[in-house]
Amino acid sequence: MNTYTWKITNLRSSDDGGVTFAKWSCDAVTFEGLSYTAEGHREYTPTPSDADYTPFQNLSEEEVLGWIWRYVNKEKMQEHCDAMLRYMAASRGNETIPWENEDR
């Protein structure tokens, strides 16, 4: 079972305190320690008169991730990360350079 860590890695606001940009990442790690990171961003046009508007200084990471997951399907993104990890594991092959083992 892979583990996933979602993070907001950059957040920008307008002069009136509304979020205009959010950058996110999903870090996926296998039991063996192989890792893959998917990243993306979303731009927003804040509307302070909206009922669900939250001023920048009152935001939590979980709230912003909720916004991201309305745009990015969380489960599908984690499936994408799983597929990339499987591809990476299958394509590892021999990770040595042949001439490094030669006696000099």
PDB file of N, CA and C in Angstrom:
ATOM      1  N   MET A   1       0.844  -1.186   0.000  1.00  0.00           N
ATOM      2  CA  MET A   1       0.000   0.000   0.000  1.00  0.00           C
ATOM      3  C   MET A   1       0.885   1.244   0.000  1.00  0.00           C
ATOM      4  N   ASN A   2       0.660   2.110  -0.937  1.00  0.00           N
ATOM      5  CA  ASN A   2       1.424   3.353  -1.009  1.00  0.00           C
ATOM      6  C   ASN A   2       0.847   4.380  -0.044  1.00  0.00           C
ATOM      7  N   THR A   3       1.693   5.304   0.379  1.00  0.00           N
ATOM      8  CA  THR A   3       1.226   6.404   1.224  1.00  0.00           C
ATOM      9  C   THR A   3       1.267   7.693   0.414  1.00  0.00           C
ATOM     10  N   TYR A   4       0.361   8.593   0.723  1.00  0.00           N
ATOM     11  CA  TYR A   4       0.234   9.843  -0.012  1.00  0.00           C
ATOM     12  C   TYR A   4       0.239  11.010   0.970  1.00  0.00           C
ATOM     13  N   THR A   5       0.976  12.038   0.609  1.00  0.00           N
ATOM     14  CA  THR A   5       0.986  13.265   1.395  1.00  0.00           C
ATOM     15  C   THR A   5       0.655  14.410   0.459  1.00  0.00           C
ATOM     16  N   TRP A   6      -0.494  15.028   0.691  1.00  0.00           N
ATOM     17  CA  TRP A   6      -0.926  16.181  -0.091  1.00  0.00           C
ATOM     18  C   TRP A   6      -0.509  17.442   0.642  1.00  0.00           C
ATOM     19  N   LYS A   7       0.009  18.413  -0.117  1.00  0.00           N
ATOM     20  CA  LYS A   7       0.457  19.674   0.478  1.00  0.00           C
ATOM     21  C   LYS A   7       0.109  20.843  -0.430  1.00  0.00           C
ATOM     22  N   ILE A   8      -0.103  21.980   0.176  1.00  0.00           N
ATOM     23  CA  ILE A   8      -0.166  23.240  -0.559  1.00  0.00           C
ATOM     24  C   ILE A   8       1.246  23.803  -0.469  1.00  0.00           C
ATOM     25  N   THR A   9       1.878  24.020  -1.619  1.00  0.00           N
ATOM     26  CA  THR A   9       3.286  24.427  -1.623  1.00  0.00           C
ATOM     27  C   THR A   9       3.476  25.904  -1.944  1.00  0.00           C
ATOM     28  N   ASN A  10       2.411  26.569  -2.405  1.00  0.00           N
ATOM     29  CA  ASN A  10       2.486  28.004  -2.666  1.00  0.00           C
ATOM     30  C   ASN A  10       1.070  28.541  -2.663  1.00  0.00           C
ATOM     31  N   LEU A  11       0.893  29.708  -2.088  1.00  0.00           N
ATOM     32  CA  LEU A  11      -0.419  30.329  -2.000  1.00  0.00           C
ATOM     33  C   LEU A  11      -0.238  31.826  -2.147  1.00  0.00           C
ATOM     34  N   ARG A  12      -1.025  32.427  -3.034  1.00  0.00           N
ATOM     35  CA  ARG A  12      -0.942  33.883  -3.236  1.00  0.00           C
ATOM     36  C   ARG A  12      -2.317  34.484  -3.003  1.00  0.00           C
ATOM     37  N   SER A  13      -2.291  35.743  -2.552  1.00  0.00           N
ATOM     38  CA  SER A  13      -3.563  36.419  -2.306  1.00  0.00           C
ATOM     39  C   SER A  13      -3.590  37.780  -2.984  1.00  0.00           C
ATOM     40  N   SER A  14      -4.792  38.282  -3.163  1.00  0.00           N
ATOM     41  CA  SER A  14      -4.978  39.629  -3.698  1.00  0.00           C
ATOM     42  C   SER A  14      -4.822  40.636  -2.562  1.00  0.00           C
ATOM     43  N   ASP A  15      -4.856  41.906  -2.888  1.00  0.00           N
ATOM     44  CA  ASP A  15      -4.728  42.954  -1.871  1.00  0.00           C
ATOM     45  C   ASP A  15      -5.845  42.901  -0.827  1.00  0.00           C
ATOM     46  N   ASP A  16      -7.035  42.410  -1.232  1.00  0.00           N
ATOM     47  CA  ASP A  16      -8.138  42.344  -0.266  1.00  0.00           C
ATOM     48  C   ASP A  16      -8.154  41.044   0.528  1.00  0.00           C
ATOM     49  N   GLY A  17      -7.135  40.190   0.343  1.00  0.00           N
ATOM     50  CA  GLY A  17      -6.999  38.986   1.167  1.00  0.00           C
ATOM     51  C   GLY A  17      -7.627  37.734   0.616  1.00  0.00           C
ATOM     52  N   GLY A  18      -8.027  37.730  -0.644  1.00  0.00           N
ATOM     53  CA  GLY A  18      -8.585  36.526  -1.249  1.00  0.00           C
ATOM     54  C   GLY A  18      -7.522  35.739  -1.992  1.00  0.00           C
ATOM     55  N   VAL A  19      -7.634  34.427  -1.974  1.00  0.00           N
ATOM     56  CA  VAL A  19      -6.665  33.564  -2.648  1.00  0.00           C
ATOM     57  C   VAL A  19      -6.810  33.704  -4.162  1.00  0.00           C
ATOM     58  N   THR A  20      -5.687  33.926  -4.830  1.00  0.00           N
ATOM     59  CA  THR A  20      -5.666  34.034  -6.287  1.00  0.00           C
ATOM     60  C   THR A  20      -4.927  32.874  -6.948  1.00  0.00           C
ATOM     61  N   PHE A  21      -4.124  32.146  -6.185  1.00  0.00           N
ATOM     62  CA  PHE A  21      -3.294  31.084  -6.760  1.00  0.00           C
ATOM     63  C   PHE A  21      -2.959  30.083  -5.665  1.00  0.00           C
ATOM     64  N   ALA A  22      -3.085  28.797  -5.992  1.00  0.00           N
ATOM     65  CA  ALA A  22      -2.691  27.734  -5.063  1.00  0.00           C
ATOM     66  C   ALA A  22      -1.931  26.670  -5.845  1.00  0.00           C
ATOM     67  N   LYS A  23      -0.747  26.339  -5.382  1.00  0.00           N
ATOM     68  CA  LYS A  23       0.058  25.265  -5.976  1.00  0.00           C
ATOM     69  C   LYS A  23       0.030  24.097  -5.001  1.00  0.00           C
ATOM     70  N   TRP A  24      -0.127  22.887  -5.533  1.00  0.00           N
ATOM     71  CA  TRP A  24      -0.255  21.707  -4.694  1.00  0.00           C
ATOM     72  C   TRP A  24       0.716  20.617  -5.135  1.00  0.00           C
ATOM     73  N   SER A  25       0.942  19.668  -4.239  1.00  0.00           N
ATOM     74  CA  SER A  25       1.714  18.470  -4.587  1.00  0.00           C
ATOM     75  C   SER A  25       1.094  17.265  -3.884  1.00  0.00           C
ATOM     76  N   CYS A  26       1.257  16.127  -4.535  1.00  0.00           N
ATOM     77  CA  CYS A  26       0.871  14.848  -3.948  1.00  0.00           C
ATOM     78  C   CYS A  26       2.109  13.966  -3.996  1.00  0.00           C
ATOM     79  N   ASP A  27       2.679  13.705  -2.829  1.00  0.00           N
ATOM     80  CA  ASP A  27       3.861  12.851  -2.723  1.00  0.00           C
ATOM     81  C   ASP A  27       3.397  11.428  -2.443  1.00  0.00           C
ATOM     82  N   ALA A  28       3.777  10.499  -3.303  1.00  0.00           N
ATOM     83  CA  ALA A  28       3.426   9.090  -3.137  1.00  0.00           C
ATOM     84  C   ALA A  28       4.701   8.305  -2.880  1.00  0.00           C
ATOM     85  N   VAL A  29       4.639   7.391  -1.897  1.00  0.00           N
ATOM     86  CA  VAL A  29       5.812   6.601  -1.518  1.00  0.00           C
ATOM     87  C   VAL A  29       5.390   5.143  -1.362  1.00  0.00           C
ATOM     88  N   THR A  30       6.195   4.246  -1.955  1.00  0.00           N
ATOM     89  CA  THR A  30       5.934   2.812  -1.808  1.00  0.00           C
ATOM     90  C   THR A  30       6.525   2.321  -0.489  1.00  0.00           C
ATOM     91  N   PHE A  31       6.142   1.108  -0.126  1.00  0.00           N
ATOM     92  CA  PHE A  31       6.679   0.471   1.078  1.00  0.00           C
ATOM     93  C   PHE A  31       8.201   0.346   0.982  1.00  0.00           C
ATOM     94  N   GLU A  32       8.709   0.163  -0.256  1.00  0.00           N
ATOM     95  CA  GLU A  32      10.150   0.005  -0.475  1.00  0.00           C
ATOM     96  C   GLU A  32      10.894   1.335  -0.506  1.00  0.00           C
ATOM     97  N   GLY A  33      10.171   2.442  -0.468  1.00  0.00           N
ATOM     98  CA  GLY A  33      10.818   3.750  -0.443  1.00  0.00           C
ATOM     99  C   GLY A  33      10.903   4.465  -1.781  1.00  0.00           C
ATOM    100  N   LEU A  34      10.379   3.877  -2.836  1.00  0.00           N
ATOM    101  CA  LEU A  34      10.346   4.540  -4.139  1.00  0.00           C
ATOM    102  C   LEU A  34       9.314   5.661  -4.054  1.00  0.00           C
ATOM    103  N   SER A  35       9.641   6.824  -4.618  1.00  0.00           N
ATOM    104  CA  SER A  35       8.714   7.956  -4.486  1.00  0.00           C
ATOM    105  C   SER A  35       8.470   8.655  -5.817  1.00  0.00           C
ATOM    106  N   TYR A  36       7.319   9.271  -5.893  1.00  0.00           N
ATOM    107  CA  TYR A  36       6.907  10.048  -7.064  1.00  0.00           C
ATOM    108  C   TYR A  36       6.076  11.224  -6.559  1.00  0.00           C
ATOM    109  N   THR A  37       6.259  12.385  -7.180  1.00  0.00           N
ATOM    110  CA  THR A  37       5.497  13.574  -6.795  1.00  0.00           C
ATOM    111  C   THR A  37       4.754  14.122  -8.003  1.00  0.00           C
ATOM    112  N   ALA A  38       3.444  14.286  -7.847  1.00  0.00           N
ATOM    113  CA  ALA A  38       2.618  14.962  -8.848  1.00  0.00           C
ATOM    114  C   ALA A  38       2.371  16.378  -8.334  1.00  0.00           C
ATOM    115  N   GLU A  39       2.389  17.344  -9.235  1.00  0.00           N
ATOM    116  CA  GLU A  39       2.186  18.732  -8.846  1.00  0.00           C
ATOM    117  C   GLU A  39       1.221  19.408  -9.807  1.00  0.00           C
ATOM    118  N   GLY A  40       0.608  20.463  -9.327  1.00  0.00           N
ATOM    119  CA  GLY A  40      -0.267  21.250 -10.176  1.00  0.00           C
ATOM    120  C   GLY A  40      -0.588  22.565  -9.488  1.00  0.00           C
ATOM    121  N   HIS A  41      -1.363  23.367 -10.167  1.00  0.00           N
ATOM    122  CA  HIS A  41      -1.771  24.634  -9.560  1.00  0.00           C
ATOM    123  C   HIS A  41      -3.167  25.004 -10.055  1.00  0.00           C
ATOM    124  N   ARG A  42      -3.758  25.932  -9.361  1.00  0.00           N
ATOM    125  CA  ARG A  42      -5.093  26.413  -9.704  1.00  0.00           C
ATOM    126  C   ARG A  42      -5.139  27.906  -9.420  1.00  0.00           C
ATOM    127  N   GLU A  43      -5.697  28.653 -10.350  1.00  0.00           N
ATOM    128  CA  GLU A  43      -5.869  30.087 -10.150  1.00  0.00           C
ATOM    129  C   GLU A  43      -7.321  30.358  -9.747  1.00  0.00           C
ATOM    130  N   TYR A  44      -7.511  31.358  -8.924  1.00  0.00           N
ATOM    131  CA  TYR A  44      -8.829  31.695  -8.401  1.00  0.00           C
ATOM    132  C   TYR A  44      -9.096  33.186  -8.563  1.00  0.00           C
ATOM    133  N   THR A  45     -10.362  33.517  -8.652  1.00  0.00           N
ATOM    134  CA  THR A  45     -10.804  34.905  -8.622  1.00  0.00           C
ATOM    135  C   THR A  45     -11.635  35.052  -7.351  1.00  0.00           C
ATOM    136  N   PRO A  46     -11.052  35.623  -6.306  1.00  0.00           N
ATOM    137  CA  PRO A  46     -11.771  35.708  -5.024  1.00  0.00           C
ATOM    138  C   PRO A  46     -12.961  36.669  -5.093  1.00  0.00           C
ATOM    139  N   THR A  47     -14.025  36.292  -4.409  1.00  0.00           N
ATOM    140  CA  THR A  47     -15.223  37.129  -4.328  1.00  0.00           C
ATOM    141  C   THR A  47     -15.589  37.274  -2.861  1.00  0.00           C
ATOM    142  N   PRO A  48     -15.155  38.367  -2.218  1.00  0.00           N
ATOM    143  CA  PRO A  48     -15.399  38.554  -0.781  1.00  0.00           C
ATOM    144  C   PRO A  48     -16.879  38.497  -0.387  1.00  0.00           C
ATOM    145  N   SER A  49     -17.790  38.753  -1.304  1.00  0.00           N
ATOM    146  CA  SER A  49     -19.218  38.731  -0.964  1.00  0.00           C
ATOM    147  C   SER A  49     -19.807  37.317  -0.949  1.00  0.00           C
ATOM    148  N   ASP A  50     -19.067  36.312  -1.431  1.00  0.00           N
ATOM    149  CA  ASP A  50     -19.563  34.931  -1.404  1.00  0.00           C
ATOM    150  C   ASP A  50     -19.691  34.430   0.034  1.00  0.00           C
ATOM    151  N   ALA A  51     -20.703  33.615   0.268  1.00  0.00           N
ATOM    152  CA  ALA A  51     -20.969  33.093   1.612  1.00  0.00           C
ATOM    153  C   ALA A  51     -19.832  32.216   2.127  1.00  0.00           C
ATOM    154  N   ASP A  52     -19.143  31.504   1.230  1.00  0.00           N
ATOM    155  CA  ASP A  52     -18.069  30.599   1.674  1.00  0.00           C
ATOM    156  C   ASP A  52     -16.675  31.233   1.595  1.00  0.00           C
ATOM    157  N   TYR A  53     -16.606  32.534   1.415  1.00  0.00           N
ATOM    158  CA  TYR A  53     -15.322  33.252   1.344  1.00  0.00           C
ATOM    159  C   TYR A  53     -14.625  33.190   2.706  1.00  0.00           C
ATOM    160  N   THR A  54     -13.341  32.850   2.681  1.00  0.00           N
ATOM    161  CA  THR A  54     -12.525  32.833   3.893  1.00  0.00           C
ATOM    162  C   THR A  54     -11.329  33.741   3.673  1.00  0.00           C
ATOM    163  N   PRO A  55     -11.127  34.738   4.549  1.00  0.00           N
ATOM    164  CA  PRO A  55      -9.955  35.605   4.403  1.00  0.00           C
ATOM    165  C   PRO A  55      -8.655  34.799   4.469  1.00  0.00           C
ATOM    166  N   PHE A  56      -7.681  35.243   3.724  1.00  0.00           N
ATOM    167  CA  PHE A  56      -6.390  34.559   3.615  1.00  0.00           C
ATOM    168  C   PHE A  56      -5.820  34.164   4.972  1.00  0.00           C
ATOM    169  N   GLN A  57      -5.812  35.074   5.918  1.00  0.00           N
ATOM    170  CA  GLN A  57      -5.188  34.816   7.222  1.00  0.00           C
ATOM    171  C   GLN A  57      -5.957  33.780   8.047  1.00  0.00           C
ATOM    172  N   ASN A  58      -7.193  33.460   7.661  1.00  0.00           N
ATOM    173  CA  ASN A  58      -8.001  32.482   8.403  1.00  0.00           C
ATOM    174  C   ASN A  58      -8.034  31.106   7.747  1.00  0.00           C
ATOM    175  N   LEU A  59      -7.347  30.938   6.635  1.00  0.00           N
ATOM    176  CA  LEU A  59      -7.374  29.671   5.909  1.00  0.00           C
ATOM    177  C   LEU A  59      -6.567  28.589   6.605  1.00  0.00           C
ATOM    178  N   SER A  60      -7.003  27.350   6.412  1.00  0.00           N
ATOM    179  CA  SER A  60      -6.208  26.192   6.829  1.00  0.00           C
ATOM    180  C   SER A  60      -5.788  25.448   5.566  1.00  0.00           C
ATOM    181  N   GLU A  61      -4.727  24.673   5.677  1.00  0.00           N
ATOM    182  CA  GLU A  61      -4.282  23.897   4.524  1.00  0.00           C
ATOM    183  C   GLU A  61      -5.374  22.922   4.091  1.00  0.00           C
ATOM    184  N   GLU A  62      -6.067  22.334   5.046  1.00  0.00           N
ATOM    185  CA  GLU A  62      -7.132  21.383   4.726  1.00  0.00           C
ATOM    186  C   GLU A  62      -8.242  22.042   3.907  1.00  0.00           C
ATOM    187  N   GLU A  63      -8.581  23.300   4.230  1.00  0.00           N
ATOM    188  CA  GLU A  63      -9.605  24.010   3.465  1.00  0.00           C
ATOM    189  C   GLU A  63      -9.155  24.236   2.018  1.00  0.00           C
ATOM    190  N   VAL A  64      -7.923  24.658   1.837  1.00  0.00           N
ATOM    191  CA  VAL A  64      -7.414  24.906   0.486  1.00  0.00           C
ATOM    192  C   VAL A  64      -7.298  23.585  -0.281  1.00  0.00           C
ATOM    193  N   LEU A  65      -6.873  22.517   0.384  1.00  0.00           N
ATOM    194  CA  LEU A  65      -6.845  21.210  -0.289  1.00  0.00           C
ATOM    195  C   LEU A  65      -8.243  20.805  -0.721  1.00  0.00           C
ATOM    196  N   GLY A  66      -9.252  21.126   0.070  1.00  0.00           N
ATOM    197  CA  GLY A  66     -10.636  20.855  -0.318  1.00  0.00           C
ATOM    198  C   GLY A  66     -10.996  21.559  -1.615  1.00  0.00           C
ATOM    199  N   TRP A  67     -10.538  22.798  -1.782  1.00  0.00           N
ATOM    200  CA  TRP A  67     -10.765  23.526  -3.039  1.00  0.00           C
ATOM    201  C   TRP A  67     -10.086  22.799  -4.200  1.00  0.00           C
ATOM    202  N   ILE A  68      -8.840  22.366  -3.954  1.00  0.00           N
ATOM    203  CA  ILE A  68      -8.075  21.671  -4.995  1.00  0.00           C
ATOM    204  C   ILE A  68      -8.796  20.385  -5.397  1.00  0.00           C
ATOM    205  N   TRP A  69      -9.310  19.641  -4.418  1.00  0.00           N
ATOM    206  CA  TRP A  69      -9.962  18.360  -4.706  1.00  0.00           C
ATOM    207  C   TRP A  69     -11.300  18.539  -5.408  1.00  0.00           C
ATOM    208  N   ARG A  70     -11.847  19.729  -5.429  1.00  0.00           N
ATOM    209  CA  ARG A  70     -13.037  19.989  -6.255  1.00  0.00           C
ATOM    210  C   ARG A  70     -12.643  20.064  -7.730  1.00  0.00           C
ATOM    211  N   TYR A  71     -11.396  20.416  -7.972  1.00  0.00           N
ATOM    212  CA  TYR A  71     -10.873  20.575  -9.330  1.00  0.00           C
ATOM    213  C   TYR A  71     -10.109  19.326  -9.781  1.00  0.00           C
ATOM    214  N   VAL A  72      -9.302  18.762  -8.887  1.00  0.00           N
ATOM    215  CA  VAL A  72      -8.485  17.578  -9.165  1.00  0.00           C
ATOM    216  C   VAL A  72      -9.111  16.403  -8.422  1.00  0.00           C
ATOM    217  N   ASN A  73      -9.422  15.351  -9.128  1.00  0.00           N
ATOM    218  CA  ASN A  73      -9.987  14.163  -8.494  1.00  0.00           C
ATOM    219  C   ASN A  73      -8.894  13.483  -7.668  1.00  0.00           C
ATOM    220  N   LYS A  74      -9.044  13.554  -6.353  1.00  0.00           N
ATOM    221  CA  LYS A  74      -8.018  13.045  -5.434  1.00  0.00           C
ATOM    222  C   LYS A  74      -7.691  11.570  -5.702  1.00  0.00           C
ATOM    223  N   GLU A  75      -8.709  10.739  -5.804  1.00  0.00           N
ATOM    224  CA  GLU A  75      -8.491   9.301  -6.004  1.00  0.00           C
ATOM    225  C   GLU A  75      -7.825   9.023  -7.347  1.00  0.00           C
ATOM    226  N   LYS A  76      -8.262   9.715  -8.390  1.00  0.00           N
ATOM    227  CA  LYS A  76      -7.653   9.517  -9.719  1.00  0.00           C
ATOM    228  C   LYS A  76      -6.187   9.966  -9.724  1.00  0.00           C
ATOM    229  N   MET A  77      -5.881  11.057  -9.029  1.00  0.00           N
ATOM    230  CA  MET A  77      -4.491  11.512  -8.964  1.00  0.00           C
ATOM    231  C   MET A  77      -3.641  10.493  -8.223  1.00  0.00           C
ATOM    232  N   GLN A  78      -4.152   9.916  -7.150  1.00  0.00           N
ATOM    233  CA  GLN A  78      -3.403   8.893  -6.420  1.00  0.00           C
ATOM    234  C   GLN A  78      -3.231   7.645  -7.285  1.00  0.00           C
ATOM    235  N   GLU A  79      -4.238   7.310  -8.099  1.00  0.00           N
ATOM    236  CA  GLU A  79      -4.092   6.190  -9.034  1.00  0.00           C
ATOM    237  C   GLU A  79      -3.009   6.497 -10.068  1.00  0.00           C
ATOM    238  N   HIS A  80      -2.948   7.744 -10.524  1.00  0.00           N
ATOM    239  CA  HIS A  80      -1.884   8.164 -11.453  1.00  0.00           C
ATOM    240  C   HIS A  80      -0.518   7.976 -10.792  1.00  0.00           C
ATOM    241  N   CYS A  81      -0.401   8.402  -9.551  1.00  0.00           N
ATOM    242  CA  CYS A  81       0.874   8.237  -8.826  1.00  0.00           C
ATOM    243  C   CYS A  81       1.233   6.758  -8.700  1.00  0.00           C
ATOM    244  N   ASP A  82       0.234   5.915  -8.396  1.00  0.00           N
ATOM    245  CA  ASP A  82       0.474   4.465  -8.306  1.00  0.00           C
ATOM    246  C   ASP A  82       1.006   3.923  -9.629  1.00  0.00           C
ATOM    247  N   ALA A  83       0.393   4.347 -10.732  1.00  0.00           N
ATOM    248  CA  ALA A  83       0.823   3.883 -12.057  1.00  0.00           C
ATOM    249  C   ALA A  83       2.255   4.321 -12.343  1.00  0.00           C
ATOM    250  N   MET A  84       2.587   5.545 -11.990  1.00  0.00           N
ATOM    251  CA  MET A  84       3.946   6.029 -12.216  1.00  0.00           C
ATOM    252  C   MET A  84       4.946   5.250 -11.354  1.00  0.00           C
ATOM    253  N   LEU A  85       4.573   4.954 -10.138  1.00  0.00           N
ATOM    254  CA  LEU A  85       5.463   4.175  -9.261  1.00  0.00           C
ATOM    255  C   LEU A  85       5.656   2.762  -9.809  1.00  0.00           C
ATOM    256  N   ARG A  86       4.596   2.151 -10.327  1.00  0.00           N
ATOM    257  CA  ARG A  86       4.728   0.814 -10.937  1.00  0.00           C
ATOM    258  C   ARG A  86       5.649   0.881 -12.142  1.00  0.00           C
ATOM    259  N   TYR A  87       5.485   1.904 -12.968  1.00  0.00           N
ATOM    260  CA  TYR A  87       6.344   2.080 -14.146  1.00  0.00           C
ATOM    261  C   TYR A  87       7.797   2.259 -13.717  1.00  0.00           C
ATOM    262  N   MET A  88       8.022   3.101 -12.722  1.00  0.00           N
ATOM    263  CA  MET A  88       9.387   3.343 -12.249  1.00  0.00           C
ATOM    264  C   MET A  88      10.012   2.056 -11.709  1.00  0.00           C
ATOM    265  N   ALA A  89       9.230   1.288 -10.946  1.00  0.00           N
ATOM    266  CA  ALA A  89       9.747   0.035 -10.383  1.00  0.00           C
ATOM    267  C   ALA A  89      10.066  -0.972 -11.480  1.00  0.00           C
ATOM    268  N   ALA A  90       9.215  -1.045 -12.503  1.00  0.00           N
ATOM    269  CA  ALA A  90       9.415  -2.006 -13.593  1.00  0.00           C
ATOM    270  C   ALA A  90      10.578  -1.625 -14.494  1.00  0.00           C
ATOM    271  N   SER A  91      10.885  -0.352 -14.584  1.00  0.00           N
ATOM    272  CA  SER A  91      11.936   0.085 -15.501  1.00  0.00           C
ATOM    273  C   SER A  91      13.286   0.282 -14.822  1.00  0.00           C
ATOM    274  N   ARG A  92      13.374  -0.101 -13.571  1.00  0.00           N
ATOM    275  CA  ARG A  92      14.635   0.081 -12.841  1.00  0.00           C
ATOM    276  C   ARG A  92      15.776  -0.687 -13.469  1.00  0.00           C
ATOM    277  N   GLY A  93      15.588  -1.972 -13.675  1.00  0.00           N
ATOM    278  CA  GLY A  93      16.650  -2.783 -14.275  1.00  0.00           C
ATOM    279  C   GLY A  93      17.934  -2.727 -13.470  1.00  0.00           C
ATOM    280  N   ASN A  94      19.052  -2.868 -14.167  1.00  0.00           N
ATOM    281  CA  ASN A  94      20.367  -2.817 -13.534  1.00  0.00           C
ATOM    282  C   ASN A  94      20.764  -1.356 -13.367  1.00  0.00           C
ATOM    283  N   GLU A  95      20.993  -0.948 -12.139  1.00  0.00           N
ATOM    284  CA  GLU A  95      21.283   0.460 -11.862  1.00  0.00           C
ATOM    285  C   GLU A  95      22.772   0.740 -11.668  1.00  0.00           C
ATOM    286  N   THR A  96      23.614  -0.180 -12.113  1.00  0.00           N
ATOM    287  CA  THR A  96      25.049   0.053 -12.004  1.00  0.00           C
ATOM    288  C   THR A  96      25.606   0.440 -13.363  1.00  0.00           C
ATOM    289  N   ILE A  97      26.740   1.072 -13.355  1.00  0.00           N
ATOM    290  CA  ILE A  97      27.440   1.415 -14.587  1.00  0.00           C
ATOM    291  C   ILE A  97      28.523   0.361 -14.769  1.00  0.00           C
ATOM    292  N   PRO A  98      28.554  -0.326 -15.934  1.00  0.00           N
ATOM    293  CA  PRO A  98      29.437  -1.481 -16.123  1.00  0.00           C
ATOM    294  C   PRO A  98      30.901  -1.217 -15.790  1.00  0.00           C
ATOM    295  N   TRP A  99      31.427  -0.095 -16.165  1.00  0.00           N
ATOM    296  CA  TRP A  99      32.855   0.143 -15.986  1.00  0.00           C
ATOM    297  C   TRP A  99      33.221   0.570 -14.569  1.00  0.00           C
ATOM    298  N   GLU A 100      32.237   0.823 -13.716  1.00  0.00           N
ATOM    299  CA  GLU A 100      32.551   1.194 -12.338  1.00  0.00           C
ATOM    300  C   GLU A 100      33.102   0.016 -11.540  1.00  0.00           C
ATOM    301  N   ASN A 101      32.813  -1.205 -11.963  1.00  0.00           N
ATOM    302  CA  ASN A 101      33.267  -2.391 -11.235  1.00  0.00           C
ATOM    303  C   ASN A 101      34.603  -2.927 -11.721  1.00  0.00           C
ATOM    304  N   GLU A 102      35.171  -2.304 -12.735  1.00  0.00           N
ATOM    305  CA  GLU A 102      36.451  -2.769 -13.271  1.00  0.00           C
ATOM    306  C   GLU A 102      37.579  -2.418 -12.292  1.00  0.00           C
ATOM    307  N   ASP A 103      38.511  -3.346 -12.176  1.00  0.00           N
ATOM    308  CA  ASP A 103      39.714  -3.055 -11.379  1.00  0.00           C
ATOM    309  C   ASP A 103      40.596  -2.107 -12.174  1.00  0.00           C
ATOM    310  N   ARG A 104      41.127  -1.150 -11.506  1.00  0.00           N
ATOM    311  CA  ARG A 104      41.994  -0.186 -12.196  1.00  0.00           C
ATOM    312  C   ARG A 104      43.384  -0.292 -11.677  1.00  0.00           C
TER     313      ARG A 104
END
